[in-house]
Amino acid sequence: MMVGGFDYPSPPARPMAEEKDIDLIDLIAPAPKPRKPRAPKEPDVRERVSAFVGSADAMPIEQPTPRELVEAESHGRLEVRPIGTPLGLKELANLHKKTWSNLNVAEKRVHVLLWPLALHFGLYQIKPGQGNRRPPLIGAFWARCLADAPLTLGHLYPAHLFKDMLASDVWEFGGMVIDTTYQGKGLVKLLSDTARIFLFSRRPKLLITNPIEPLYEMYKQLGLKTVGDKPVEHPHAYNVKVWLMYGRFDEMSKPFYM
């Protein structure tokens, strides 16, 4: 290369613009590096439960048998509801009168006077097509605390059962009544399940109850023990014998804790 009469060596050739542009593109937006595989996401509690028990879509739906459909249409279903209105207590009194008259049993008035001091649970028959009509009462029982009213037959129990206990620790079950004309199923089971749920909600230290002879076996299934080896005459009802039964919650609840 001639400059001012002198011959200078030519400078080295520069790269083409396209090659420089490619380098800039690589610098500005480099090619993405290969990503590392992500660790699998830990399933949450809902997913774990779904995987264990199966989703609702995967579980087969059990269709009722024709016989069960006929029974549901004719007898309906049973519901447990509290009884606390004057009309509800009147229906309860009528149910007691109807049931015990069939057994030739008459309650003394002193027994009924204690009803307002108890919590009453009624079993109602809900039939299809009833609409807003009042369902019939077909079963009931009550629960009452010693702090609110005296025990029905407390004087017949040994004193050592109540040692070191407050009145609020002692509850009594009573008034178990069932409509003898009811032809459906599950009445006795629902009564016993309701009683058991009430026990676990209140957790009384001592439970006292005086079932009539036909209900003795059902109460034994709840884990209750018996005072004496035979039933006694009920002082508040004519022509009826009852068992003196009791149970301690810490002993009765053991078989049901999982």
C-alpha atoms as a PDB file:
ATOM      1  CA  MET A   1       0.000   0.000   0.000  1.00  0.00           C
ATOM      2  CA  MET A   2       1.607   3.315  -1.172  1.00  0.00           C
ATOM      3  CA  VAL A   3       1.348   6.294   1.215  1.00  0.00           C
ATOM      4  CA  GLY A   4       3.503   9.419   0.605  1.00  0.00           C
ATOM      5  CA  GLY A   5       5.863   7.515  -1.682  1.00  0.00           C
ATOM      6  CA  PHE A   6       6.380   4.793   0.784  1.00  0.00           C
ATOM      7  CA  ASP A   7       5.110   1.257   0.511  1.00  0.00           C
ATOM      8  CA  TYR A   8       3.439   0.059   3.687  1.00  0.00           C
ATOM      9  CA  PRO A   9       2.263  -3.500   4.247  1.00  0.00           C
ATOM     10  CA  SER A  10      -1.500  -3.923   3.908  1.00  0.00           C
ATOM     11  CA  PRO A  11      -3.435  -4.398   7.194  1.00  0.00           C
ATOM     12  CA  PRO A  12      -4.900  -7.822   7.894  1.00  0.00           C
ATOM     13  CA  ALA A  13      -8.330  -8.389   6.385  1.00  0.00           C
ATOM     14  CA  ARG A  14     -11.268  -7.687   8.737  1.00  0.00           C
ATOM     15  CA  PRO A  15     -14.094 -10.154   9.115  1.00  0.00           C
ATOM     16  CA  MET A  16     -17.224  -9.472   7.092  1.00  0.00           C
ATOM     17  CA  ALA A  17     -20.106  -7.581   8.613  1.00  0.00           C
ATOM     18  CA  GLU A  18     -22.282 -10.648   8.524  1.00  0.00           C
ATOM     19  CA  GLU A  19     -19.782 -12.577  10.653  1.00  0.00           C
ATOM     20  CA  LYS A  20     -19.677  -9.709  13.206  1.00  0.00           C
ATOM     21  CA  ASP A  21     -23.480  -9.556  13.300  1.00  0.00           C
ATOM     22  CA  ILE A  22     -23.610 -13.243  14.051  1.00  0.00           C
ATOM     23  CA  ASP A  23     -21.187 -12.752  16.935  1.00  0.00           C
ATOM     24  CA  LEU A  24     -23.321  -9.909  18.362  1.00  0.00           C
ATOM     25  CA  ILE A  25     -26.476 -11.999  18.101  1.00  0.00           C
ATOM     26  CA  ASP A  26     -24.743 -14.761  19.991  1.00  0.00           C
ATOM     27  CA  LEU A  27     -23.666 -12.293  22.674  1.00  0.00           C
ATOM     28  CA  ILE A  28     -27.071 -10.594  22.964  1.00  0.00           C
ATOM     29  CA  ALA A  29     -29.204 -13.729  22.754  1.00  0.00           C
ATOM     30  CA  PRO A  30     -27.033 -16.715  23.469  1.00  0.00           C
ATOM     31  CA  ALA A  31     -28.405 -20.122  22.699  1.00  0.00           C
ATOM     32  CA  PRO A  32     -30.363 -21.543  25.674  1.00  0.00           C
ATOM     33  CA  LYS A  33     -28.496 -24.012  27.781  1.00  0.00           C
ATOM     34  CA  PRO A  34     -30.047 -27.434  28.255  1.00  0.00           C
ATOM     35  CA  ARG A  35     -32.316 -27.381  31.333  1.00  0.00           C
ATOM     36  CA  LYS A  36     -31.835 -29.737  34.202  1.00  0.00           C
ATOM     37  CA  PRO A  37     -34.817 -32.013  34.795  1.00  0.00           C
ATOM     38  CA  ARG A  38     -36.995 -30.697  37.635  1.00  0.00           C
ATOM     39  CA  ALA A  39     -37.469 -32.761  40.731  1.00  0.00           C
ATOM     40  CA  PRO A  40     -40.948 -34.319  40.886  1.00  0.00           C
ATOM     41  CA  LYS A  41     -43.442 -32.159  42.811  1.00  0.00           C
ATOM     42  CA  GLU A  42     -44.450 -33.526  46.158  1.00  0.00           C
ATOM     43  CA  PRO A  43     -48.219 -34.252  46.173  1.00  0.00           C
ATOM     44  CA  ASP A  44     -50.234 -32.266  48.671  1.00  0.00           C
ATOM     45  CA  VAL A  45     -52.475 -33.778  51.320  1.00  0.00           C
ATOM     46  CA  ARG A  46     -55.548 -33.752  49.072  1.00  0.00           C
ATOM     47  CA  GLU A  47     -53.704 -35.603  46.320  1.00  0.00           C
ATOM     48  CA  ARG A  48     -52.356 -38.142  48.795  1.00  0.00           C
ATOM     49  CA  VAL A  49     -55.833 -38.830  50.185  1.00  0.00           C
ATOM     50  CA  SER A  50     -57.264 -39.079  46.676  1.00  0.00           C
ATOM     51  CA  ALA A  51     -54.567 -41.547  45.660  1.00  0.00           C
ATOM     52  CA  PHE A  52     -55.194 -43.621  48.791  1.00  0.00           C
ATOM     53  CA  VAL A  53     -58.998 -43.825  48.791  1.00  0.00           C
ATOM     54  CA  GLY A  54     -59.553 -43.279  45.080  1.00  0.00           C
ATOM     55  CA  SER A  55     -61.214 -40.316  43.430  1.00  0.00           C
ATOM     56  CA  ALA A  56     -64.982 -39.949  43.306  1.00  0.00           C
ATOM     57  CA  ASP A  57     -64.936 -40.458  39.526  1.00  0.00           C
ATOM     58  CA  ALA A  58     -63.048 -43.728  39.818  1.00  0.00           C
ATOM     59  CA  MET A  59     -65.207 -45.157  42.599  1.00  0.00           C
ATOM     60  CA  PRO A  60     -68.148 -47.195  41.367  1.00  0.00           C
ATOM     61  CA  ILE A  61     -71.559 -45.880  42.352  1.00  0.00           C
ATOM     62  CA  GLU A  62     -73.628 -48.443  44.192  1.00  0.00           C
ATOM     63  CA  GLN A  63     -77.103 -48.515  42.771  1.00  0.00           C
ATOM     64  CA  PRO A  64     -79.918 -49.332  45.208  1.00  0.00           C
ATOM     65  CA  THR A  65     -81.685 -52.618  44.699  1.00  0.00           C
ATOM     66  CA  PRO A  66     -85.346 -52.616  43.633  1.00  0.00           C
ATOM     67  CA  ARG A  67     -86.298 -53.743  47.136  1.00  0.00           C
ATOM     68  CA  GLU A  68     -84.411 -50.829  48.695  1.00  0.00           C
ATOM     69  CA  LEU A  69     -86.159 -48.413  46.335  1.00  0.00           C
ATOM     70  CA  VAL A  70     -89.564 -49.769  47.327  1.00  0.00           C
ATOM     71  CA  GLU A  71     -88.695 -49.480  51.029  1.00  0.00           C
ATOM     72  CA  ALA A  72     -87.422 -45.916  50.555  1.00  0.00           C
ATOM     73  CA  GLU A  73     -90.634 -44.911  48.819  1.00  0.00           C
ATOM     74  CA  SER A  74     -92.907 -46.575  51.366  1.00  0.00           C
ATOM     75  CA  HIS A  75     -91.061 -45.896  54.634  1.00  0.00           C
ATOM     76  CA  GLY A  76     -88.876 -42.909  53.683  1.00  0.00           C
ATOM     77  CA  ARG A  77     -85.779 -42.132  55.753  1.00  0.00           C
ATOM     78  CA  LEU A  78     -85.111 -41.407  59.404  1.00  0.00           C
ATOM     79  CA  GLU A  79     -83.726 -38.129  60.733  1.00  0.00           C
ATOM     80  CA  VAL A  80     -82.668 -37.134  64.244  1.00  0.00           C
ATOM     81  CA  ARG A  81     -83.930 -33.709  65.290  1.00  0.00           C
ATOM     82  CA  PRO A  82     -84.025 -31.906  68.661  1.00  0.00           C
ATOM     83  CA  ILE A  83     -87.376 -31.572  70.405  1.00  0.00           C
ATOM     84  CA  GLY A  84     -87.856 -28.267  72.177  1.00  0.00           C
ATOM     85  CA  THR A  85     -91.122 -26.626  71.137  1.00  0.00           C
ATOM     86  CA  PRO A  86     -94.486 -27.024  72.901  1.00  0.00           C
ATOM     87  CA  LEU A  87     -95.813 -28.847  69.855  1.00  0.00           C
ATOM     88  CA  GLY A  88     -92.810 -31.178  69.817  1.00  0.00           C
ATOM     89  CA  LEU A  89     -93.240 -32.027  73.513  1.00  0.00           C
ATOM     90  CA  LYS A  90     -96.949 -32.639  72.927  1.00  0.00           C
ATOM     91  CA  GLU A  91     -96.120 -35.077  70.121  1.00  0.00           C
ATOM     92  CA  LEU A  92     -93.599 -36.732  72.437  1.00  0.00           C
ATOM     93  CA  ALA A  93     -96.207 -37.141  75.178  1.00  0.00           C
ATOM     94  CA  ASN A  94     -98.627 -38.680  72.674  1.00  0.00           C
ATOM     95  CA  LEU A  95     -95.944 -41.124  71.491  1.00  0.00           C
ATOM     96  CA  HIS A  96     -95.214 -42.179  75.079  1.00  0.00           C
ATOM     97  CA  LYS A  97     -98.910 -42.611  75.802  1.00  0.00           C
ATOM     98  CA  LYS A  98     -99.442 -44.645  72.633  1.00  0.00           C
ATOM     99  CA  THR A  99     -96.414 -46.890  73.168  1.00  0.00           C
ATOM    100  CA  TRP A 100     -96.788 -47.538  76.884  1.00  0.00           C
ATOM    101  CA  SER A 101    -100.541 -48.099  76.663  1.00  0.00           C
ATOM    102  CA  ASN A 102     -99.836 -50.985  74.290  1.00  0.00           C
ATOM    103  CA  LEU A 103     -97.573 -52.423  76.997  1.00  0.00           C
ATOM    104  CA  ASN A 104    -100.076 -51.662  79.796  1.00  0.00           C
ATOM    105  CA  VAL A 105     -97.678 -49.099  81.313  1.00  0.00           C
ATOM    106  CA  ALA A 106     -98.705 -45.716  82.715  1.00  0.00           C
ATOM    107  CA  GLU A 107     -96.200 -43.007  83.693  1.00  0.00           C
ATOM    108  CA  LYS A 108     -96.765 -40.952  86.802  1.00  0.00           C
ATOM    109  CA  ARG A 109     -96.992 -37.206  86.370  1.00  0.00           C
ATOM    110  CA  VAL A 110     -93.846 -36.549  88.447  1.00  0.00           C
ATOM    111  CA  HIS A 111     -91.822 -38.265  85.729  1.00  0.00           C
ATOM    112  CA  VAL A 112     -93.175 -36.030  82.957  1.00  0.00           C
ATOM    113  CA  LEU A 113     -92.603 -32.856  84.997  1.00  0.00           C
ATOM    114  CA  LEU A 114     -88.841 -33.320  84.579  1.00  0.00           C
ATOM    115  CA  TRP A 115     -89.026 -33.295  80.766  1.00  0.00           C
ATOM    116  CA  PRO A 116     -88.371 -29.545  80.305  1.00  0.00           C
ATOM    117  CA  LEU A 117     -85.060 -29.975  82.179  1.00  0.00           C
ATOM    118  CA  ALA A 118     -83.705 -32.505  79.659  1.00  0.00           C
ATOM    119  CA  LEU A 119     -82.365 -32.468  76.105  1.00  0.00           C
ATOM    120  CA  HIS A 120     -84.766 -34.423  73.915  1.00  0.00           C
ATOM    121  CA  PHE A 121     -83.818 -36.165  70.675  1.00  0.00           C
ATOM    122  CA  GLY A 122     -86.548 -37.247  68.280  1.00  0.00           C
ATOM    123  CA  LEU A 123     -86.432 -39.643  65.356  1.00  0.00           C
ATOM    124  CA  TYR A 124     -88.688 -38.459  62.552  1.00  0.00           C
ATOM    125  CA  GLN A 125     -89.870 -40.351  59.493  1.00  0.00           C
ATOM    126  CA  ILE A 126     -89.275 -38.312  56.342  1.00  0.00           C
ATOM    127  CA  LYS A 127     -91.312 -39.614  53.393  1.00  0.00           C
ATOM    128  CA  PRO A 128     -91.099 -38.510  49.744  1.00  0.00           C
ATOM    129  CA  GLY A 129     -93.753 -36.001  48.774  1.00  0.00           C
ATOM    130  CA  GLN A 130     -94.418 -34.732  52.302  1.00  0.00           C
ATOM    131  CA  GLY A 131     -93.599 -31.180  51.342  1.00  0.00           C
ATOM    132  CA  ASN A 132     -93.935 -28.818  54.309  1.00  0.00           C
ATOM    133  CA  ARG A 133     -96.084 -31.195  56.333  1.00  0.00           C
ATOM    134  CA  ARG A 134     -94.778 -32.087  59.777  1.00  0.00           C
ATOM    135  CA  PRO A 135     -93.096 -35.537  59.774  1.00  0.00           C
ATOM    136  CA  PRO A 136     -94.301 -38.124  62.286  1.00  0.00           C
ATOM    137  CA  LEU A 137     -92.306 -38.765  65.452  1.00  0.00           C
ATOM    138  CA  ILE A 138     -91.508 -42.482  65.726  1.00  0.00           C
ATOM    139  CA  GLY A 139     -88.791 -42.611  68.391  1.00  0.00           C
ATOM    140  CA  ALA A 140     -87.144 -40.483  71.064  1.00  0.00           C
ATOM    141  CA  PHE A 141     -84.956 -40.359  74.165  1.00  0.00           C
ATOM    142  CA  TRP A 142     -83.667 -37.677  76.499  1.00  0.00           C
ATOM    143  CA  ALA A 143     -80.403 -36.810  78.230  1.00  0.00           C
ATOM    144  CA  ARG A 144     -80.235 -34.853  81.471  1.00  0.00           C
ATOM    145  CA  CYS A 145     -77.422 -33.577  83.700  1.00  0.00           C
ATOM    146  CA  LEU A 146     -77.448 -34.128  87.455  1.00  0.00           C
ATOM    147  CA  ALA A 147     -76.667 -30.415  87.860  1.00  0.00           C
ATOM    148  CA  ASP A 148     -80.074 -29.600  86.329  1.00  0.00           C
ATOM    149  CA  ALA A 149     -82.331 -32.271  87.831  1.00  0.00           C
ATOM    150  CA  PRO A 150     -82.158 -35.223  90.227  1.00  0.00           C
ATOM    151  CA  LEU A 151     -81.544 -38.699  88.895  1.00  0.00           C
ATOM    152  CA  THR A 152     -84.690 -40.725  88.336  1.00  0.00           C
ATOM    153  CA  LEU A 153     -83.485 -43.696  90.400  1.00  0.00           C
ATOM    154  CA  GLY A 154     -80.253 -42.312  91.811  1.00  0.00           C
ATOM    155  CA  HIS A 155     -81.107 -43.414  95.358  1.00  0.00           C
ATOM    156  CA  LEU A 156     -80.939 -47.076  94.236  1.00  0.00           C
ATOM    157  CA  TYR A 157     -77.299 -46.848  93.087  1.00  0.00           C
ATOM    158  CA  PRO A 158     -74.307 -47.515  95.368  1.00  0.00           C
ATOM    159  CA  ALA A 159     -72.792 -44.314  96.739  1.00  0.00           C
ATOM    160  CA  HIS A 160     -69.213 -45.175  95.723  1.00  0.00           C
ATOM    161  CA  LEU A 161     -70.112 -44.669  92.030  1.00  0.00           C
ATOM    162  CA  PHE A 162     -70.456 -40.925  92.666  1.00  0.00           C
ATOM    163  CA  LYS A 163     -67.315 -40.492  94.776  1.00  0.00           C
ATOM    164  CA  ASP A 164     -65.160 -37.447  93.838  1.00  0.00           C
ATOM    165  CA  MET A 165     -67.586 -36.415  91.073  1.00  0.00           C
ATOM    166  CA  LEU A 166     -69.245 -33.090  90.449  1.00  0.00           C
ATOM    167  CA  ALA A 167     -72.919 -32.903  89.550  1.00  0.00           C
ATOM    168  CA  SER A 168     -71.916 -31.697  86.072  1.00  0.00           C
ATOM    169  CA  ASP A 169     -69.927 -34.916  85.565  1.00  0.00           C
ATOM    170  CA  VAL A 170     -73.018 -37.133  85.819  1.00  0.00           C
ATOM    171  CA  TRP A 171     -75.590 -37.517  83.027  1.00  0.00           C
ATOM    172  CA  GLU A 172     -78.672 -39.663  82.757  1.00  0.00           C
ATOM    173  CA  PHE A 173     -80.274 -41.203  79.670  1.00  0.00           C
ATOM    174  CA  GLY A 174     -83.967 -42.007  79.713  1.00  0.00           C
ATOM    175  CA  GLY A 175     -87.296 -41.779  77.957  1.00  0.00           C
ATOM    176  CA  MET A 176     -86.342 -44.277  75.258  1.00  0.00           C
ATOM    177  CA  VAL A 177     -89.555 -44.825  73.317  1.00  0.00           C
ATOM    178  CA  ILE A 178     -90.302 -46.370  69.917  1.00  0.00           C
ATOM    179  CA  ASP A 179     -93.471 -46.419  67.851  1.00  0.00           C
ATOM    180  CA  THR A 180     -94.361 -50.109  67.786  1.00  0.00           C
ATOM    181  CA  THR A 181     -96.318 -49.692  64.533  1.00  0.00           C
ATOM    182  CA  TYR A 182     -93.275 -48.551  62.541  1.00  0.00           C
ATOM    183  CA  GLN A 183     -92.372 -51.164  59.906  1.00  0.00           C
ATOM    184  CA  GLY A 184     -89.135 -49.672  58.554  1.00  0.00           C
ATOM    185  CA  LYS A 185     -85.566 -50.650  59.357  1.00  0.00           C
ATOM    186  CA  GLY A 186     -82.692 -48.992  61.176  1.00  0.00           C
ATOM    187  CA  LEU A 187     -84.659 -47.397  64.017  1.00  0.00           C
ATOM    188  CA  VAL A 188     -82.864 -49.062  66.932  1.00  0.00           C
ATOM    189  CA  LYS A 189     -79.452 -48.608  65.284  1.00  0.00           C
ATOM    190  CA  LEU A 190     -80.072 -44.909  64.728  1.00  0.00           C
ATOM    191  CA  LEU A 191     -81.150 -44.491  68.340  1.00  0.00           C
ATOM    192  CA  SER A 192     -78.005 -46.176  69.657  1.00  0.00           C
ATOM    193  CA  ASP A 193     -75.735 -44.269  67.236  1.00  0.00           C
ATOM    194  CA  THR A 194     -77.290 -40.956  68.287  1.00  0.00           C
ATOM    195  CA  ALA A 195     -76.792 -41.812  71.945  1.00  0.00           C
ATOM    196  CA  ARG A 196     -73.157 -42.734  71.302  1.00  0.00           C
ATOM    197  CA  ILE A 197     -72.472 -39.501  69.398  1.00  0.00           C
ATOM    198  CA  PHE A 198     -74.005 -37.518  72.253  1.00  0.00           C
ATOM    199  CA  LEU A 199     -71.733 -39.309  74.714  1.00  0.00           C
ATOM    200  CA  PHE A 200     -68.619 -38.436  72.721  1.00  0.00           C
ATOM    201  CA  SER A 201     -69.705 -34.798  72.461  1.00  0.00           C
ATOM    202  CA  ARG A 202     -70.438 -34.369  76.206  1.00  0.00           C
ATOM    203  CA  ARG A 203     -68.001 -36.943  77.611  1.00  0.00           C
ATOM    204  CA  PRO A 204     -69.670 -37.370  81.016  1.00  0.00           C
ATOM    205  CA  LYS A 205     -67.561 -39.122  83.593  1.00  0.00           C
ATOM    206  CA  LEU A 206     -70.549 -41.197  84.697  1.00  0.00           C
ATOM    207  CA  LEU A 207     -73.645 -42.187  82.743  1.00  0.00           C
ATOM    208  CA  ILE A 208     -76.798 -43.465  84.477  1.00  0.00           C
ATOM    209  CA  THR A 209     -79.723 -45.083  82.676  1.00  0.00           C
ATOM    210  CA  ASN A 210     -82.691 -47.307  83.503  1.00  0.00           C
ATOM    211  CA  PRO A 211     -83.833 -49.208  80.404  1.00  0.00           C
ATOM    212  CA  ILE A 212     -86.932 -51.354  80.397  1.00  0.00           C
ATOM    213  CA  GLU A 213     -86.435 -55.075  79.969  1.00  0.00           C
ATOM    214  CA  PRO A 214     -86.839 -55.221  76.133  1.00  0.00           C
ATOM    215  CA  LEU A 215     -84.094 -52.587  75.677  1.00  0.00           C
ATOM    216  CA  TYR A 216     -81.614 -54.144  78.088  1.00  0.00           C
ATOM    217  CA  GLU A 217     -79.496 -55.874  75.411  1.00  0.00           C
ATOM    218  CA  MET A 218     -79.241 -52.713  73.310  1.00  0.00           C
ATOM    219  CA  TYR A 219     -77.848 -50.774  76.269  1.00  0.00           C
ATOM    220  CA  LYS A 220     -75.364 -53.533  77.028  1.00  0.00           C
ATOM    221  CA  GLN A 221     -73.947 -53.059  73.517  1.00  0.00           C
ATOM    222  CA  LEU A 222     -73.048 -49.490  74.508  1.00  0.00           C
ATOM    223  CA  GLY A 223     -70.735 -50.904  77.179  1.00  0.00           C
ATOM    224  CA  LEU A 224     -72.959 -50.222  80.200  1.00  0.00           C
ATOM    225  CA  LYS A 225     -72.721 -52.257  83.390  1.00  0.00           C
ATOM    226  CA  THR A 226     -75.534 -53.474  85.644  1.00  0.00           C
ATOM    227  CA  VAL A 227     -76.238 -52.910  89.327  1.00  0.00           C
ATOM    228  CA  GLY A 228     -77.704 -56.108  90.721  1.00  0.00           C
ATOM    229  CA  ASP A 229     -78.737 -59.229  88.835  1.00  0.00           C
ATOM    230  CA  LYS A 230     -82.404 -58.472  88.157  1.00  0.00           C
ATOM    231  CA  PRO A 231     -84.622 -55.518  87.172  1.00  0.00           C
ATOM    232  CA  VAL A 232     -86.507 -53.425  89.737  1.00  0.00           C
ATOM    233  CA  GLU A 233     -89.972 -51.899  89.844  1.00  0.00           C
ATOM    234  CA  HIS A 234     -89.974 -48.384  88.401  1.00  0.00           C
ATOM    235  CA  PRO A 235     -91.265 -45.940  91.045  1.00  0.00           C
ATOM    236  CA  HIS A 236     -92.536 -43.423  88.455  1.00  0.00           C
ATOM    237  CA  ALA A 237     -94.354 -45.849  86.172  1.00  0.00           C
ATOM    238  CA  TYR A 238     -96.864 -48.579  86.814  1.00  0.00           C
ATOM    239  CA  ASN A 239     -96.464 -52.168  85.624  1.00  0.00           C
ATOM    240  CA  VAL A 240     -92.908 -51.809  84.361  1.00  0.00           C
ATOM    241  CA  LYS A 241     -89.518 -53.074  85.514  1.00  0.00           C
ATOM    242  CA  VAL A 242     -86.194 -51.477  84.624  1.00  0.00           C
ATOM    243  CA  TRP A 243     -82.524 -52.347  84.926  1.00  0.00           C
ATOM    244  CA  LEU A 244     -80.143 -50.162  86.938  1.00  0.00           C
ATOM    245  CA  MET A 245     -77.268 -49.510  84.548  1.00  0.00           C
ATOM    246  CA  TYR A 246     -74.244 -47.222  84.535  1.00  0.00           C
ATOM    247  CA  GLY A 247     -71.062 -46.598  82.583  1.00  0.00           C
ATOM    248  CA  ARG A 248     -67.874 -44.593  82.873  1.00  0.00           C
ATOM    249  CA  PHE A 249     -66.927 -42.699  79.755  1.00  0.00           C
ATOM    250  CA  ASP A 250     -63.212 -43.546  79.890  1.00  0.00           C
ATOM    251  CA  GLU A 251     -64.110 -47.251  79.847  1.00  0.00           C
ATOM    252  CA  MET A 252     -66.985 -47.066  77.344  1.00  0.00           C
ATOM    253  CA  SER A 253     -64.995 -45.048  74.818  1.00  0.00           C
ATOM    254  CA  LYS A 254     -61.914 -47.276  74.602  1.00  0.00           C
ATOM    255  CA  PRO A 255     -63.251 -49.668  71.907  1.00  0.00           C
ATOM    256  CA  PHE A 256     -64.133 -46.741  69.608  1.00  0.00           C
ATOM    257  CA  TYR A 257     -60.894 -44.763  69.624  1.00  0.00           C
ATOM    258  CA  MET A 258     -58.868 -45.506  66.489  1.00  0.00           C
END
